[in-house]
């Protein structure tokens, strides 16, 4: 079905973008000694407590023809971001940011500082230490971040509706399709879509717990 495919496409793109953007940000948060970094942490966590409609409203204004992002996009591509798939991607990246950053930060902070000190003593620079020690030891956090980001994006409603509207084949995701079915009193169709999302969400959580358990067992064996 079209709405489910669109939601999967959005979730995959957002997850890929966030893993690239959130990893260095999470690294900085985990290891930075800056005293005011709590301000950055608060900004990153803001979507967790901010109503989706509020975030969606301000993103809609920013992406509109008079908004800073909308004006720039209009100059570059000839159209604004509001009510487009690209707009959904940007909005979803911001809305799902904490679901990617926080598991990574928690995973980075669990790494034994003695391992990092040993790497430094042996002459490894920060980049080599990151790729050879920090990332391998953070695999459970990376898996959790990817799955939670994917699942959260897949089920978005408020931000998607505010920024993208309800355009078939362009911005109508599966959560909006469920809402449409309910509004039209098509409960059987709504139930079918809702059960599909329920099953996918459950399988994703099983994947997170199963893979993290397996990774943990492998490290214990080593």
N, C-alpha and C. Protein backbone atom coordinates (compact mmCIF):
# COMPACT_ATOMS: atom_id res chain seq x y z
N UNK A 1 0.84 -1.20 0.00
CA UNK A 1 0.00 0.00 0.00
C UNK A 1 0.88 1.25 0.00
N UNK A 2 0.39 2.28 -0.66
CA UNK A 2 1.19 3.47 -0.92
C UNK A 2 1.63 4.18 0.36
N UNK A 3 0.72 4.33 1.33
CA UNK A 3 1.04 5.06 2.55
C UNK A 3 2.12 4.36 3.35
N UNK A 4 2.06 3.04 3.41
CA UNK A 4 3.05 2.29 4.17
C UNK A 4 4.42 2.38 3.50
N UNK A 5 4.44 2.30 2.18
CA UNK A 5 5.71 2.42 1.46
C UNK A 5 6.32 3.80 1.68
N UNK A 6 5.49 4.85 1.65
CA UNK A 6 5.97 6.21 1.87
C UNK A 6 6.54 6.36 3.28
N UNK A 7 5.86 5.76 4.26
CA UNK A 7 6.34 5.83 5.64
C UNK A 7 7.67 5.11 5.80
N UNK A 8 7.81 3.94 5.16
CA UNK A 8 9.06 3.21 5.23
C UNK A 8 10.19 4.00 4.57
N UNK A 9 9.88 4.59 3.44
CA UNK A 9 10.89 5.40 2.75
C UNK A 9 11.34 6.56 3.61
N UNK A 10 10.39 7.24 4.24
CA UNK A 10 10.72 8.36 5.12
C UNK A 10 11.56 7.89 6.30
N UNK A 11 11.16 6.78 6.92
CA UNK A 11 11.87 6.28 8.09
C UNK A 11 13.30 5.86 7.76
N UNK A 12 13.50 5.23 6.62
CA UNK A 12 14.84 4.80 6.21
C UNK A 12 15.74 6.00 5.97
N UNK A 13 15.23 7.00 5.25
CA UNK A 13 16.03 8.19 4.94
C UNK A 13 16.38 8.96 6.22
N UNK A 14 15.40 9.14 7.08
CA UNK A 14 15.62 9.89 8.32
C UNK A 14 16.62 9.15 9.22
N UNK A 15 16.49 7.83 9.31
CA UNK A 15 17.41 7.05 10.14
C UNK A 15 18.84 7.16 9.62
N UNK A 16 19.01 7.06 8.32
CA UNK A 16 20.35 7.17 7.73
C UNK A 16 20.96 8.55 7.98
N UNK A 17 20.16 9.59 7.79
CA UNK A 17 20.66 10.96 8.01
C UNK A 17 21.03 11.17 9.47
N UNK A 18 20.16 10.71 10.37
CA UNK A 18 20.40 10.95 11.79
C UNK A 18 21.60 10.17 12.31
N UNK A 19 21.83 8.98 11.82
CA UNK A 19 23.01 8.23 12.28
C UNK A 19 24.29 8.98 11.91
N UNK A 20 24.27 9.62 10.75
CA UNK A 20 25.45 10.39 10.32
C UNK A 20 25.60 11.67 11.14
N UNK A 21 24.49 12.36 11.38
CA UNK A 21 24.54 13.64 12.09
C UNK A 21 24.63 13.47 13.61
N UNK A 22 23.93 12.47 14.14
CA UNK A 22 23.83 12.32 15.59
C UNK A 22 25.08 11.71 16.21
N UNK A 23 25.80 10.90 15.45
CA UNK A 23 26.98 10.24 16.02
C UNK A 23 28.05 11.23 16.48
N UNK A 24 28.48 12.18 15.65
CA UNK A 24 29.46 13.17 16.16
C UNK A 24 28.89 14.06 17.26
N UNK A 25 27.59 14.37 17.17
CA UNK A 25 26.97 15.19 18.21
C UNK A 25 26.95 14.44 19.53
N UNK A 26 26.58 13.17 19.49
CA UNK A 26 26.56 12.35 20.70
C UNK A 26 27.97 12.18 21.27
N UNK A 27 28.94 12.04 20.40
CA UNK A 27 30.34 11.92 20.83
C UNK A 27 30.76 13.19 21.58
N UNK A 28 30.40 14.34 21.03
CA UNK A 28 30.75 15.60 21.67
C UNK A 28 30.07 15.73 23.03
N UNK A 29 28.79 15.38 23.09
CA UNK A 29 28.06 15.48 24.35
C UNK A 29 28.66 14.54 25.40
N UNK A 30 29.04 13.35 24.98
CA UNK A 30 29.55 12.36 25.92
C UNK A 30 30.93 12.72 26.47
N UNK A 31 31.77 13.33 25.64
CA UNK A 31 33.17 13.53 26.04
C UNK A 31 33.57 14.99 26.23
N UNK A 32 32.69 15.91 25.90
CA UNK A 32 33.03 17.33 26.05
C UNK A 32 33.10 17.72 27.53
N UNK A 33 34.03 18.59 27.85
CA UNK A 33 34.17 19.10 29.22
C UNK A 33 33.55 20.49 29.38
N UNK A 34 32.90 20.98 28.34
CA UNK A 34 32.29 22.31 28.38
C UNK A 34 31.19 22.33 29.44
N UNK A 35 31.25 23.27 30.35
CA UNK A 35 30.31 23.30 31.46
C UNK A 35 28.87 23.57 31.02
N UNK A 36 28.72 24.32 29.94
CA UNK A 36 27.37 24.70 29.49
C UNK A 36 26.79 23.73 28.46
N UNK A 37 27.38 22.54 28.34
CA UNK A 37 26.88 21.62 27.32
C UNK A 37 25.46 21.13 27.63
N UNK A 38 25.02 21.35 28.89
CA UNK A 38 23.65 20.97 29.23
C UNK A 38 22.63 21.76 28.39
N UNK A 39 23.04 22.94 27.90
CA UNK A 39 22.15 23.70 27.04
C UNK A 39 21.93 22.97 25.71
N UNK A 40 23.00 22.38 25.19
CA UNK A 40 22.88 21.59 23.96
C UNK A 40 22.05 20.35 24.21
N UNK A 41 22.27 19.70 25.35
CA UNK A 41 21.50 18.51 25.69
C UNK A 41 20.01 18.83 25.82
N UNK A 42 19.71 19.98 26.41
CA UNK A 42 18.32 20.39 26.55
C UNK A 42 17.68 20.66 25.20
N UNK A 43 18.44 21.29 24.29
CA UNK A 43 17.92 21.57 22.95
C UNK A 43 17.65 20.28 22.20
N UNK A 44 18.57 19.33 22.31
CA UNK A 44 18.40 18.04 21.63
C UNK A 44 17.19 17.30 22.16
N UNK A 45 16.96 17.37 23.48
CA UNK A 45 15.86 16.63 24.11
C UNK A 45 14.52 17.35 23.99
N UNK A 46 14.51 18.58 23.50
CA UNK A 46 13.29 19.38 23.45
C UNK A 46 12.11 18.67 22.76
N UNK A 47 12.32 17.97 21.64
CA UNK A 47 11.17 17.30 21.00
C UNK A 47 10.50 16.23 21.87
N UNK A 48 11.18 15.77 22.93
CA UNK A 48 10.58 14.78 23.81
C UNK A 48 9.45 15.36 24.64
N UNK A 49 9.54 16.64 24.95
CA UNK A 49 8.54 17.28 25.81
C UNK A 49 7.68 18.29 25.06
N UNK A 50 8.13 18.71 23.89
CA UNK A 50 7.39 19.71 23.13
C UNK A 50 6.25 19.04 22.36
N UNK A 51 5.03 19.56 22.46
CA UNK A 51 3.93 18.98 21.68
C UNK A 51 4.26 18.98 20.19
N UNK A 52 3.98 17.89 19.49
CA UNK A 52 4.31 17.81 18.06
C UNK A 52 3.70 18.94 17.24
N UNK A 53 2.50 19.37 17.62
CA UNK A 53 1.86 20.44 16.86
C UNK A 53 2.62 21.76 17.00
N UNK A 54 3.22 21.99 18.17
CA UNK A 54 3.99 23.22 18.37
C UNK A 54 5.24 23.19 17.50
N UNK A 55 5.97 22.08 17.56
CA UNK A 55 7.15 21.94 16.71
C UNK A 55 6.77 22.02 15.24
N UNK A 56 5.70 21.34 14.88
CA UNK A 56 5.24 21.34 13.50
C UNK A 56 4.84 22.73 13.02
N UNK A 57 4.22 23.51 13.90
CA UNK A 57 3.80 24.86 13.53
C UNK A 57 5.00 25.74 13.20
N UNK A 58 6.01 25.72 14.07
CA UNK A 58 7.17 26.58 13.83
C UNK A 58 7.99 26.10 12.63
N UNK A 59 8.03 24.81 12.42
CA UNK A 59 8.70 24.29 11.22
C UNK A 59 7.95 24.70 9.96
N UNK A 60 6.62 24.68 10.04
CA UNK A 60 5.81 25.10 8.90
C UNK A 60 6.07 26.57 8.56
N UNK A 61 6.17 27.40 9.59
CA UNK A 61 6.47 28.82 9.37
C UNK A 61 7.87 28.98 8.76
N UNK A 62 8.83 28.24 9.29
CA UNK A 62 10.21 28.35 8.80
C UNK A 62 10.35 27.85 7.37
N UNK A 63 9.55 26.86 7.01
CA UNK A 63 9.64 26.28 5.66
C UNK A 63 8.73 26.96 4.64
N UNK A 64 7.89 27.84 5.11
CA UNK A 64 6.97 28.53 4.21
C UNK A 64 7.69 29.55 3.33
N UNK A 65 6.97 30.18 2.41
CA UNK A 65 7.60 31.12 1.47
C UNK A 65 8.22 32.33 2.13
N UNK A 66 7.79 32.67 3.35
CA UNK A 66 8.37 33.82 4.06
C UNK A 66 9.36 33.41 5.13
N UNK A 67 9.51 32.13 5.35
CA UNK A 67 10.43 31.65 6.37
C UNK A 67 11.85 31.58 5.84
N UNK A 68 12.84 31.59 6.74
CA UNK A 68 14.24 31.58 6.31
C UNK A 68 14.61 30.33 5.51
N UNK A 69 14.16 29.17 5.99
CA UNK A 69 14.47 27.93 5.26
C UNK A 69 13.71 27.88 3.95
N UNK A 70 12.44 28.31 3.98
CA UNK A 70 11.62 28.30 2.77
C UNK A 70 12.16 29.23 1.71
N UNK A 71 12.62 30.41 2.11
CA UNK A 71 13.18 31.36 1.15
C UNK A 71 14.43 30.80 0.48
N UNK A 72 15.29 30.20 1.30
CA UNK A 72 16.52 29.63 0.75
C UNK A 72 16.21 28.48 -0.20
N UNK A 73 15.30 27.62 0.20
CA UNK A 73 14.93 26.49 -0.66
C UNK A 73 14.27 26.97 -1.95
N UNK A 74 13.46 28.00 -1.82
CA UNK A 74 12.81 28.57 -3.00
C UNK A 74 13.83 29.13 -3.98
N UNK A 75 14.85 29.79 -3.47
CA UNK A 75 15.89 30.35 -4.33
C UNK A 75 16.71 29.27 -5.02
N UNK A 76 16.90 28.14 -4.32
CA UNK A 76 17.72 27.07 -4.86
C UNK A 76 16.96 26.14 -5.80
N UNK A 77 15.70 25.82 -5.43
CA UNK A 77 14.97 24.78 -6.17
C UNK A 77 13.65 25.25 -6.79
N UNK A 78 13.27 26.49 -6.54
CA UNK A 78 12.07 27.01 -7.18
C UNK A 78 10.78 26.71 -6.47
N UNK A 79 10.83 26.11 -5.29
CA UNK A 79 9.61 25.85 -4.51
C UNK A 79 9.98 25.79 -3.04
N UNK A 80 9.00 26.00 -2.17
CA UNK A 80 9.25 25.95 -0.73
C UNK A 80 9.20 24.51 -0.24
N UNK A 81 9.55 24.32 1.02
CA UNK A 81 9.62 22.97 1.59
C UNK A 81 8.30 22.49 2.15
N UNK A 82 7.43 23.41 2.55
CA UNK A 82 6.16 23.01 3.15
C UNK A 82 5.35 22.16 2.19
N UNK A 83 4.75 21.10 2.73
CA UNK A 83 3.89 20.19 1.98
C UNK A 83 4.64 19.46 0.88
N UNK A 84 5.90 19.11 1.17
CA UNK A 84 6.70 18.29 0.26
C UNK A 84 7.34 17.17 1.05
N UNK A 85 7.80 16.14 0.34
CA UNK A 85 8.45 15.02 1.01
C UNK A 85 9.77 15.47 1.64
N UNK A 86 10.49 16.35 0.96
CA UNK A 86 11.74 16.86 1.52
C UNK A 86 11.50 17.60 2.83
N UNK A 87 10.38 18.33 2.90
CA UNK A 87 10.02 19.00 4.14
C UNK A 87 9.75 18.02 5.25
N UNK A 88 9.10 16.90 4.91
CA UNK A 88 8.85 15.85 5.90
C UNK A 88 10.16 15.29 6.44
N UNK A 89 11.12 15.11 5.55
CA UNK A 89 12.41 14.56 5.97
C UNK A 89 13.09 15.48 6.98
N UNK A 90 13.14 16.77 6.67
CA UNK A 90 13.78 17.74 7.57
C UNK A 90 13.06 17.80 8.91
N UNK A 91 11.73 17.86 8.86
CA UNK A 91 10.94 17.91 10.09
C UNK A 91 11.13 16.65 10.92
N UNK A 92 11.17 15.50 10.27
CA UNK A 92 11.32 14.23 10.97
C UNK A 92 12.71 14.09 11.58
N UNK A 93 13.72 14.62 10.90
CA UNK A 93 15.08 14.59 11.44
C UNK A 93 15.13 15.36 12.77
N UNK A 94 14.52 16.52 12.80
CA UNK A 94 14.51 17.32 14.02
C UNK A 94 13.67 16.67 15.11
N UNK A 95 12.52 16.10 14.72
CA UNK A 95 11.61 15.52 15.70
C UNK A 95 12.17 14.22 16.29
N UNK A 96 12.92 13.47 15.52
CA UNK A 96 13.45 12.18 15.99
C UNK A 96 14.88 12.30 16.52
N UNK A 97 15.44 13.49 16.52
CA UNK A 97 16.82 13.68 16.93
C UNK A 97 17.14 13.07 18.30
N UNK A 98 16.35 13.33 19.35
CA UNK A 98 16.72 12.77 20.66
C UNK A 98 16.68 11.25 20.70
N UNK A 99 15.84 10.63 19.87
CA UNK A 99 15.74 9.17 19.86
C UNK A 99 16.99 8.53 19.27
N UNK A 100 17.76 9.30 18.54
CA UNK A 100 19.02 8.81 18.00
C UNK A 100 20.20 9.22 18.86
N UNK A 101 20.19 10.45 19.35
CA UNK A 101 21.33 10.97 20.10
C UNK A 101 21.45 10.32 21.47
N UNK A 102 20.37 10.23 22.20
CA UNK A 102 20.44 9.78 23.59
C UNK A 102 20.95 8.35 23.76
N UNK A 103 20.51 7.37 22.94
CA UNK A 103 21.11 6.02 23.08
C UNK A 103 22.59 6.02 22.77
N UNK A 104 23.02 6.85 21.81
CA UNK A 104 24.43 6.91 21.47
C UNK A 104 25.24 7.52 22.61
N UNK A 105 24.73 8.58 23.21
CA UNK A 105 25.42 9.22 24.33
C UNK A 105 25.57 8.22 25.49
N UNK A 106 24.47 7.53 25.80
CA UNK A 106 24.51 6.56 26.89
C UNK A 106 25.53 5.45 26.62
N UNK A 107 25.60 5.03 25.38
CA UNK A 107 26.55 3.98 25.00
C UNK A 107 28.00 4.47 25.07
N UNK A 108 28.24 5.69 24.59
CA UNK A 108 29.58 6.25 24.63
C UNK A 108 30.06 6.43 26.08
N UNK A 109 29.15 6.88 26.94
CA UNK A 109 29.52 7.16 28.33
C UNK A 109 29.82 5.89 29.13
N UNK A 110 29.36 4.75 28.65
CA UNK A 110 29.61 3.48 29.35
C UNK A 110 30.99 2.90 29.07
N UNK A 111 31.67 3.44 28.07
CA UNK A 111 32.98 2.91 27.71
C UNK A 111 33.99 3.22 28.82
N UNK A 112 34.77 2.23 29.19
CA UNK A 112 35.76 2.38 30.25
C UNK A 112 36.82 3.42 29.83
N UNK A 113 36.96 4.49 30.59
CA UNK A 113 37.96 5.52 30.24
C UNK A 113 39.39 4.98 30.17
N UNK A 114 39.65 3.87 30.87
CA UNK A 114 40.99 3.29 30.84
C UNK A 114 41.34 2.80 29.44
N UNK A 115 40.34 2.31 28.70
CA UNK A 115 40.59 1.86 27.34
C UNK A 115 40.97 3.03 26.43
N UNK A 116 40.30 4.16 26.63
CA UNK A 116 40.61 5.34 25.83
C UNK A 116 41.99 5.89 26.19
N UNK A 117 42.31 5.84 27.49
CA UNK A 117 43.63 6.31 27.92
C UNK A 117 44.73 5.41 27.36
N UNK A 118 44.48 4.10 27.36
CA UNK A 118 45.46 3.17 26.83
C UNK A 118 45.69 3.40 25.34
N UNK A 119 44.61 3.68 24.62
CA UNK A 119 44.71 3.96 23.20
C UNK A 119 45.56 5.20 22.95
N UNK A 120 45.36 6.21 23.78
CA UNK A 120 46.13 7.45 23.64
C UNK A 120 47.61 7.21 23.95
N UNK A 121 47.87 6.43 24.98
CA UNK A 121 49.26 6.14 25.36
C UNK A 121 49.98 5.37 24.26
N UNK A 122 49.23 4.50 23.57
CA UNK A 122 49.82 3.69 22.50
C UNK A 122 49.99 4.48 21.19
N UNK A 123 49.60 5.75 21.22
CA UNK A 123 49.86 6.61 20.07
C UNK A 123 48.72 6.76 19.09
N UNK A 124 47.53 6.22 19.41
CA UNK A 124 46.39 6.35 18.50
C UNK A 124 45.80 7.75 18.64
N UNK A 125 45.47 8.38 17.51
CA UNK A 125 44.85 9.69 17.56
C UNK A 125 43.35 9.53 17.85
N UNK A 126 42.65 10.65 17.96
CA UNK A 126 41.23 10.62 18.32
C UNK A 126 40.38 9.89 17.27
N UNK A 127 40.72 10.10 16.00
CA UNK A 127 39.95 9.45 14.94
C UNK A 127 40.11 7.93 14.98
N UNK A 128 41.33 7.47 15.13
CA UNK A 128 41.59 6.03 15.19
C UNK A 128 40.93 5.41 16.42
N UNK A 129 41.01 6.10 17.53
CA UNK A 129 40.38 5.61 18.76
C UNK A 129 38.87 5.49 18.59
N UNK A 130 38.30 6.47 17.91
CA UNK A 130 36.86 6.47 17.71
C UNK A 130 36.42 5.26 16.88
N UNK A 131 37.10 5.03 15.76
CA UNK A 131 36.68 3.97 14.85
C UNK A 131 37.12 2.57 15.31
N UNK A 132 38.22 2.48 16.06
CA UNK A 132 38.72 1.17 16.46
C UNK A 132 38.25 0.71 17.84
N UNK A 133 37.87 1.68 18.69
CA UNK A 133 37.48 1.33 20.05
C UNK A 133 36.06 1.77 20.39
N UNK A 134 35.80 3.07 20.20
CA UNK A 134 34.51 3.60 20.65
C UNK A 134 33.34 3.02 19.85
N UNK A 135 33.42 3.05 18.53
CA UNK A 135 32.31 2.53 17.72
C UNK A 135 32.06 1.04 17.94
N UNK A 136 33.09 0.18 17.90
CA UNK A 136 32.83 -1.24 18.14
C UNK A 136 32.20 -1.52 19.50
N UNK A 137 32.66 -0.81 20.53
CA UNK A 137 32.10 -1.02 21.86
C UNK A 137 30.70 -0.43 22.01
N UNK A 138 30.30 0.42 21.08
CA UNK A 138 29.00 1.10 21.17
C UNK A 138 27.96 0.47 20.26
N UNK A 139 28.21 -0.73 19.76
CA UNK A 139 27.26 -1.35 18.84
C UNK A 139 25.84 -1.48 19.39
N UNK A 140 25.67 -1.87 20.67
CA UNK A 140 24.29 -1.91 21.20
C UNK A 140 23.59 -0.56 21.13
N UNK A 141 24.30 0.51 21.44
CA UNK A 141 23.71 1.85 21.38
C UNK A 141 23.38 2.26 19.96
N UNK A 142 24.24 1.89 19.02
CA UNK A 142 23.99 2.22 17.62
C UNK A 142 22.75 1.48 17.11
N UNK A 143 22.64 0.22 17.46
CA UNK A 143 21.47 -0.57 17.06
C UNK A 143 20.19 0.03 17.65
N UNK A 144 20.26 0.36 18.94
CA UNK A 144 19.08 0.94 19.60
C UNK A 144 18.71 2.28 18.97
N UNK A 145 19.69 3.12 18.70
CA UNK A 145 19.43 4.42 18.10
C UNK A 145 18.78 4.27 16.73
N UNK A 146 19.30 3.36 15.92
CA UNK A 146 18.76 3.17 14.57
C UNK A 146 17.32 2.67 14.61
N UNK A 147 17.06 1.67 15.45
CA UNK A 147 15.73 1.07 15.50
C UNK A 147 14.71 2.04 16.10
N UNK A 148 15.08 2.73 17.18
CA UNK A 148 14.15 3.68 17.79
C UNK A 148 13.84 4.84 16.85
N UNK A 149 14.85 5.32 16.14
CA UNK A 149 14.63 6.40 15.18
C UNK A 149 13.69 5.94 14.08
N UNK A 150 13.94 4.75 13.55
CA UNK A 150 13.09 4.21 12.49
C UNK A 150 11.65 4.06 12.96
N UNK A 151 11.47 3.46 14.13
CA UNK A 151 10.11 3.22 14.64
C UNK A 151 9.40 4.53 14.95
N UNK A 152 10.13 5.48 15.54
CA UNK A 152 9.52 6.76 15.88
C UNK A 152 9.09 7.52 14.64
N UNK A 153 9.93 7.51 13.62
CA UNK A 153 9.60 8.19 12.36
C UNK A 153 8.43 7.51 11.67
N UNK A 154 8.40 6.19 11.74
CA UNK A 154 7.33 5.43 11.08
C UNK A 154 5.96 5.79 11.65
N UNK A 155 5.90 6.09 12.93
CA UNK A 155 4.61 6.35 13.56
C UNK A 155 4.29 7.82 13.77
N UNK A 156 5.07 8.73 13.20
CA UNK A 156 4.82 10.16 13.39
C UNK A 156 3.44 10.57 12.87
N UNK A 157 2.85 11.54 13.57
CA UNK A 157 1.55 12.04 13.11
C UNK A 157 1.48 13.56 13.15
N UNK A 158 1.64 14.14 14.34
CA UNK A 158 1.43 15.58 14.50
C UNK A 158 2.33 16.43 13.64
N UNK A 159 3.64 16.19 13.70
CA UNK A 159 4.59 16.98 12.92
C UNK A 159 4.38 16.76 11.44
N UNK A 160 4.15 15.51 11.05
CA UNK A 160 3.93 15.19 9.64
C UNK A 160 2.70 15.89 9.10
N UNK A 161 1.63 15.89 9.88
CA UNK A 161 0.39 16.53 9.43
C UNK A 161 0.56 18.04 9.31
N UNK A 162 1.28 18.66 10.26
CA UNK A 162 1.45 20.10 10.24
C UNK A 162 2.34 20.55 9.08
N UNK A 163 3.43 19.83 8.84
CA UNK A 163 4.40 20.23 7.84
C UNK A 163 4.05 19.73 6.45
N UNK A 164 3.52 18.51 6.38
CA UNK A 164 3.28 17.89 5.08
C UNK A 164 1.84 17.88 4.62
N UNK A 165 0.92 18.09 5.54
CA UNK A 165 -0.49 18.01 5.15
C UNK A 165 -0.90 16.57 4.89
N UNK A 166 -1.76 16.40 3.92
CA UNK A 166 -2.31 15.07 3.63
C UNK A 166 -2.42 14.88 2.12
N UNK A 167 -1.26 14.85 1.46
CA UNK A 167 -1.23 14.75 0.01
C UNK A 167 -0.93 13.31 -0.40
N UNK A 168 -1.86 12.63 -1.04
CA UNK A 168 -1.65 11.22 -1.43
C UNK A 168 -0.40 11.04 -2.28
N UNK A 169 0.42 10.07 -1.88
CA UNK A 169 1.62 9.76 -2.64
C UNK A 169 2.78 10.70 -2.39
N UNK A 170 2.55 11.78 -1.64
CA UNK A 170 3.61 12.77 -1.39
C UNK A 170 3.89 12.90 0.10
N UNK A 171 2.85 13.15 0.89
CA UNK A 171 3.04 13.35 2.33
C UNK A 171 2.08 12.53 3.18
N UNK A 172 1.22 11.74 2.58
CA UNK A 172 0.26 10.96 3.38
C UNK A 172 0.94 9.68 3.87
N UNK A 173 1.36 9.71 5.12
CA UNK A 173 2.01 8.55 5.72
C UNK A 173 0.95 7.61 6.28
N UNK A 174 1.40 6.48 6.81
CA UNK A 174 0.45 5.48 7.28
C UNK A 174 -0.32 5.95 8.50
N UNK A 175 0.31 6.75 9.37
CA UNK A 175 -0.41 7.25 10.54
C UNK A 175 -1.53 8.21 10.14
N UNK A 176 -1.28 9.03 9.13
CA UNK A 176 -2.32 9.92 8.63
C UNK A 176 -3.41 9.13 7.92
N UNK A 177 -3.01 8.07 7.24
CA UNK A 177 -4.00 7.21 6.56
C UNK A 177 -4.94 6.56 7.58
N UNK A 178 -4.40 6.17 8.72
CA UNK A 178 -5.25 5.59 9.78
C UNK A 178 -6.25 6.63 10.27
N UNK A 179 -5.78 7.85 10.47
CA UNK A 179 -6.66 8.93 10.91
C UNK A 179 -7.76 9.18 9.88
N UNK A 180 -7.41 9.17 8.60
CA UNK A 180 -8.39 9.37 7.54
C UNK A 180 -9.46 8.28 7.55
N UNK A 181 -9.01 7.03 7.76
CA UNK A 181 -9.96 5.91 7.78
C UNK A 181 -10.95 6.04 8.94
N UNK A 182 -10.42 6.47 10.09
CA UNK A 182 -11.30 6.64 11.26
C UNK A 182 -12.29 7.77 11.01
N UNK A 183 -11.81 8.88 10.44
CA UNK A 183 -12.69 10.00 10.14
C UNK A 183 -13.78 9.62 9.15
N UNK A 184 -13.47 8.68 8.27
CA UNK A 184 -14.44 8.21 7.28
C UNK A 184 -15.26 7.02 7.78
N UNK A 185 -15.08 6.68 9.05
CA UNK A 185 -15.77 5.55 9.69
C UNK A 185 -15.45 4.23 8.96
N UNK A 186 -14.25 4.13 8.46
CA UNK A 186 -13.78 2.88 7.85
C UNK A 186 -12.91 2.14 8.88
N UNK A 187 -13.57 1.64 9.90
CA UNK A 187 -12.84 1.06 11.03
C UNK A 187 -12.08 -0.20 10.66
N UNK A 188 -12.61 -0.98 9.75
CA UNK A 188 -11.92 -2.21 9.35
C UNK A 188 -10.59 -1.89 8.67
N UNK A 189 -10.60 -0.92 7.78
CA UNK A 189 -9.38 -0.52 7.09
C UNK A 189 -8.39 0.12 8.07
N UNK A 190 -8.92 0.95 9.00
CA UNK A 190 -8.06 1.57 10.01
C UNK A 190 -7.43 0.51 10.90
N UNK A 191 -8.21 -0.48 11.26
CA UNK A 191 -7.71 -1.55 12.11
C UNK A 191 -6.61 -2.34 11.42
N UNK A 192 -6.76 -2.56 10.13
CA UNK A 192 -5.75 -3.29 9.37
C UNK A 192 -4.41 -2.55 9.36
N UNK A 193 -4.47 -1.24 9.13
CA UNK A 193 -3.25 -0.43 9.13
C UNK A 193 -2.65 -0.35 10.53
N UNK A 194 -3.52 -0.19 11.54
CA UNK A 194 -3.04 -0.08 12.91
C UNK A 194 -2.36 -1.38 13.36
N UNK A 195 -2.95 -2.51 12.99
CA UNK A 195 -2.35 -3.80 13.35
C UNK A 195 -1.00 -3.98 12.66
N UNK A 196 -0.90 -3.47 11.44
CA UNK A 196 0.37 -3.55 10.72
C UNK A 196 1.45 -2.77 11.46
N UNK A 197 1.12 -1.54 11.88
CA UNK A 197 2.08 -0.73 12.64
C UNK A 197 2.41 -1.37 13.98
N UNK A 198 1.40 -1.96 14.62
CA UNK A 198 1.62 -2.62 15.91
C UNK A 198 2.60 -3.78 15.75
N UNK A 199 2.39 -4.57 14.73
CA UNK A 199 3.27 -5.72 14.49
C UNK A 199 4.70 -5.26 14.18
N UNK A 200 4.82 -4.23 13.34
CA UNK A 200 6.14 -3.72 12.98
C UNK A 200 6.85 -3.18 14.22
N UNK A 201 6.15 -2.42 15.05
CA UNK A 201 6.74 -1.85 16.26
C UNK A 201 7.21 -2.95 17.21
N UNK A 202 6.39 -3.98 17.37
CA UNK A 202 6.77 -5.08 18.26
C UNK A 202 8.00 -5.81 17.73
N UNK A 203 8.05 -6.06 16.43
CA UNK A 203 9.19 -6.75 15.83
C UNK A 203 10.46 -5.92 15.95
N UNK A 204 10.33 -4.61 15.83
CA UNK A 204 11.50 -3.75 15.97
C UNK A 204 12.05 -3.79 17.39
N UNK A 205 11.16 -3.80 18.38
CA UNK A 205 11.61 -3.90 19.77
C UNK A 205 12.25 -5.25 20.05
N UNK A 206 11.67 -6.30 19.49
CA UNK A 206 12.28 -7.63 19.63
C UNK A 206 13.68 -7.63 19.02
N UNK A 207 13.81 -6.96 17.87
CA UNK A 207 15.12 -6.86 17.21
C UNK A 207 16.12 -6.14 18.09
N UNK A 208 15.71 -5.03 18.71
CA UNK A 208 16.61 -4.26 19.58
C UNK A 208 17.10 -5.13 20.74
N UNK A 209 16.16 -5.73 21.47
CA UNK A 209 16.52 -6.51 22.65
C UNK A 209 17.31 -7.76 22.27
N UNK A 210 16.91 -8.40 21.17
CA UNK A 210 17.59 -9.61 20.74
C UNK A 210 19.01 -9.36 20.30
N UNK A 211 19.21 -8.33 19.46
CA UNK A 211 20.56 -8.02 18.97
C UNK A 211 21.46 -7.52 20.09
N UNK A 212 20.91 -6.69 20.96
CA UNK A 212 21.72 -6.18 22.07
C UNK A 212 22.15 -7.30 23.02
N UNK A 213 21.25 -8.25 23.22
CA UNK A 213 21.58 -9.39 24.07
C UNK A 213 22.68 -10.24 23.42
N UNK A 214 22.55 -10.42 22.11
CA UNK A 214 23.55 -11.22 21.40
C UNK A 214 24.90 -10.55 21.39
N UNK A 215 24.91 -9.22 21.14
CA UNK A 215 26.17 -8.48 21.15
C UNK A 215 26.81 -8.54 22.53
N UNK A 216 25.99 -8.40 23.57
CA UNK A 216 26.52 -8.47 24.94
C UNK A 216 27.13 -9.82 25.24
N UNK A 217 26.48 -10.90 24.79
CA UNK A 217 27.01 -12.24 25.01
C UNK A 217 28.31 -12.45 24.27
N UNK A 218 28.40 -11.92 23.04
CA UNK A 218 29.62 -12.06 22.27
C UNK A 218 30.79 -11.36 22.97
N UNK A 219 30.53 -10.15 23.50
CA UNK A 219 31.60 -9.44 24.18
C UNK A 219 32.02 -10.14 25.46
N UNK A 220 31.06 -10.77 26.16
CA UNK A 220 31.40 -11.51 27.37
C UNK A 220 32.26 -12.73 27.06
N UNK A 221 31.97 -13.37 25.91
CA UNK A 221 32.75 -14.52 25.49
C UNK A 221 34.19 -14.11 25.20
N UNK A 222 34.30 -12.94 24.50
CA UNK A 222 35.64 -12.46 24.17
C UNK A 222 36.42 -12.06 25.41
